[in-house]
Amino acid sequence: MTIQTSYNLFLVDDDPFYLSLLHKKLTNSGYQQISTFTNGVDCLNALDQKPDIIFLDHNMDTFSGYEVLKKIKRQNPDIFVVMVSGQEDIKTAVDSLKHGAFDYILKSGNDSEKINAVIEKIAQVKELQSRNKPGILKSIFSLV
């Protein structure tokens, strides 16, 4: 399966260096619709831009990644949120998934590979969802 590069991506991290690095890696992978945010509040205020995938730092000031994740899922449960963290802690990863994250990525040197793999998984899930959703005509005719 080829990775779809037309997703609207949000990157949220309070570390400007890592944010810039992640943006560059995704741009080099062919993604063009990328918005960056240095805090969760700005990300939440921009949800009307309808992101497909949000890469969200776990450990941020003001709102933690968990708090932002909960607010995103409350506003739109269909957005795929991937927690990104420098913490190699199983409990943190499990808690992220419990709160609705699609996946958990540990910040490391091979982020690009992990991120592309997660995006490919999301593409597969979206494909399965679109196959399982009946079309409008099918829904109308099922009522008859």
Protein backbone atom coordinates (compact mmCIF):
# COMPACT_ATOMS: atom_id res chain seq x y z
CA MET A 1 0.00 0.00 0.00
CA THR A 2 1.34 3.43 -0.86
CA ILE A 3 1.14 6.11 1.78
CA GLN A 4 -1.43 8.80 1.06
CA THR A 5 0.22 12.21 1.35
CA SER A 6 -2.91 14.34 1.11
CA TYR A 7 -3.78 14.17 4.80
CA ASN A 8 -4.20 17.37 6.79
CA LEU A 9 -1.64 16.92 9.58
CA PHE A 10 -1.29 18.82 12.85
CA LEU A 11 1.99 18.69 14.78
CA VAL A 12 1.84 19.79 18.42
CA ASP A 13 5.00 20.05 20.51
CA ASP A 14 6.35 22.69 22.88
CA ASP A 15 9.92 22.00 21.73
CA PRO A 16 10.43 24.23 18.65
CA PHE A 17 13.50 22.26 17.53
CA TYR A 18 11.68 18.90 17.54
CA LEU A 19 8.61 20.50 15.94
CA SER A 20 10.74 21.89 13.12
CA LEU A 21 12.54 18.58 12.68
CA LEU A 22 9.27 16.62 12.52
CA HIS A 23 7.81 19.12 10.05
CA LYS A 24 10.89 18.74 7.82
CA LYS A 25 10.73 14.93 7.96
CA LEU A 26 7.06 14.92 6.94
CA THR A 27 7.66 17.47 4.19
CA ASN A 28 10.49 15.27 2.86
CA SER A 29 8.03 12.33 2.89
CA GLY A 30 5.72 14.28 0.56
CA TYR A 31 3.18 15.75 2.97
CA GLN A 32 2.11 19.29 2.17
CA GLN A 33 -0.82 20.10 4.49
CA ILE A 34 1.04 20.44 7.78
CA SER A 35 0.17 22.87 10.57
CA THR A 36 2.43 23.26 13.59
CA PHE A 37 1.47 24.35 17.10
CA THR A 38 3.68 24.94 20.12
CA ASN A 39 0.84 24.33 22.60
CA GLY A 40 -2.40 22.43 22.94
CA VAL A 41 -4.61 25.53 23.19
CA ASP A 42 -3.65 26.73 19.70
CA CYS A 43 -4.24 23.22 18.34
CA LEU A 44 -7.69 23.04 19.93
CA ASN A 45 -8.57 26.48 18.54
CA ALA A 46 -7.65 25.28 15.03
CA LEU A 47 -9.71 22.07 15.00
CA ASP A 48 -12.15 23.77 12.60
CA GLN A 49 -9.44 23.19 9.95
CA LYS A 50 -10.45 19.52 10.17
CA PRO A 51 -7.14 17.72 10.67
CA ASP A 52 -7.04 14.04 9.71
CA ILE A 53 -4.14 13.17 11.99
CA ILE A 54 -2.66 14.99 14.98
CA PHE A 55 0.80 14.14 16.29
CA LEU A 56 0.60 15.32 19.89
CA ASP A 57 3.45 15.69 22.37
CA HIS A 58 2.68 13.98 25.65
CA ASN A 59 4.56 16.32 27.99
CA MET A 60 3.70 19.99 27.41
CA ASP A 61 3.18 23.10 29.50
CA THR A 62 -0.29 24.59 30.15
CA PHE A 63 -2.27 21.50 29.04
CA SER A 64 -0.72 18.04 29.10
CA GLY A 65 -1.01 15.82 26.07
CA TYR A 66 -3.70 13.80 27.89
CA GLU A 67 -5.83 16.88 28.50
CA VAL A 68 -5.53 18.00 24.87
CA LEU A 69 -6.26 14.46 23.67
CA LYS A 70 -9.46 14.29 25.74
CA LYS A 71 -10.63 17.66 24.42
CA ILE A 72 -9.89 16.68 20.81
CA LYS A 73 -11.80 13.41 21.18
CA ARG A 74 -14.73 15.22 22.82
CA GLN A 75 -14.91 17.68 19.95
CA ASN A 76 -14.30 15.18 17.12
CA PRO A 77 -13.79 11.49 17.94
CA ASP A 78 -12.94 10.73 14.30
CA ILE A 79 -9.60 12.56 14.36
CA PHE A 80 -6.67 10.17 14.60
CA VAL A 81 -4.38 11.32 17.41
CA VAL A 82 -0.89 9.87 17.78
CA MET A 83 0.90 10.62 21.04
CA VAL A 84 4.59 11.37 20.69
CA SER A 85 6.79 11.29 23.76
CA GLY A 86 10.34 11.09 24.95
CA GLN A 87 9.17 8.95 27.88
CA GLU A 88 9.83 5.26 27.48
CA ASP A 89 7.15 4.25 29.97
CA ILE A 90 4.60 1.51 29.32
CA LYS A 91 2.04 3.12 31.65
CA THR A 92 2.22 6.40 29.70
CA ALA A 93 1.69 4.54 26.42
CA VAL A 94 -1.21 2.48 27.79
CA ASP A 95 -2.87 5.54 29.33
CA SER A 96 -2.57 7.37 25.99
CA LEU A 97 -4.35 4.53 24.23
CA LYS A 98 -7.02 4.38 26.95
CA HIS A 99 -7.73 8.08 26.42
CA GLY A 100 -8.33 7.53 22.70
CA ALA A 101 -4.92 7.86 21.05
CA PHE A 102 -4.53 5.74 17.93
CA ASP A 103 -0.89 4.99 18.68
CA TYR A 104 2.09 6.02 20.77
CA ILE A 105 5.47 6.89 19.26
CA LEU A 106 8.66 7.24 21.23
CA LYS A 107 10.85 10.16 20.11
CA SER A 108 14.01 8.71 18.61
CA GLY A 109 16.29 8.80 15.61
CA ASN A 110 13.97 6.74 13.41
CA ASP A 111 10.82 8.84 13.90
CA SER A 112 10.26 9.07 10.14
CA GLU A 113 9.90 5.30 9.78
CA LYS A 114 7.58 5.06 12.78
CA ILE A 115 5.46 8.00 11.65
CA ASN A 116 5.13 6.69 8.11
CA ALA A 117 4.18 3.26 9.48
CA VAL A 118 1.50 4.81 11.71
CA ILE A 119 0.13 6.89 8.83
CA GLU A 120 -0.01 3.74 6.69
CA LYS A 121 -1.96 1.96 9.48
CA ILE A 122 -4.35 4.91 9.65
CA ALA A 123 -4.81 4.76 5.86
CA GLN A 124 -5.71 1.07 6.17
CA VAL A 125 -8.21 1.80 8.95
CA LYS A 126 -9.78 4.63 6.91
CA GLU A 127 -10.06 2.28 3.91
CA LEU A 128 -11.81 -0.35 6.03
CA GLN A 129 -14.14 2.28 7.49
CA SER A 130 -15.08 3.57 4.04
CA ARG A 131 -15.81 0.03 2.84
CA ASN A 132 -17.99 -0.68 5.86
CA LYS A 133 -19.99 2.56 5.65
CA PRO A 134 -22.95 2.13 3.37
CA GLY A 135 -23.37 4.76 0.69
CA ILE A 136 -26.30 7.17 0.78
CA LEU A 137 -28.23 5.26 -1.91
CA LYS A 138 -27.63 1.95 -0.17
CA SER A 139 -28.91 3.46 3.09
CA ILE A 140 -32.05 4.82 1.42
CA PHE A 141 -32.82 1.55 -0.33
CA SER A 142 -32.32 -0.44 2.87
CA LEU A 143 -35.21 1.57 4.36
CA VAL A 144 -37.57 0.58 1.53
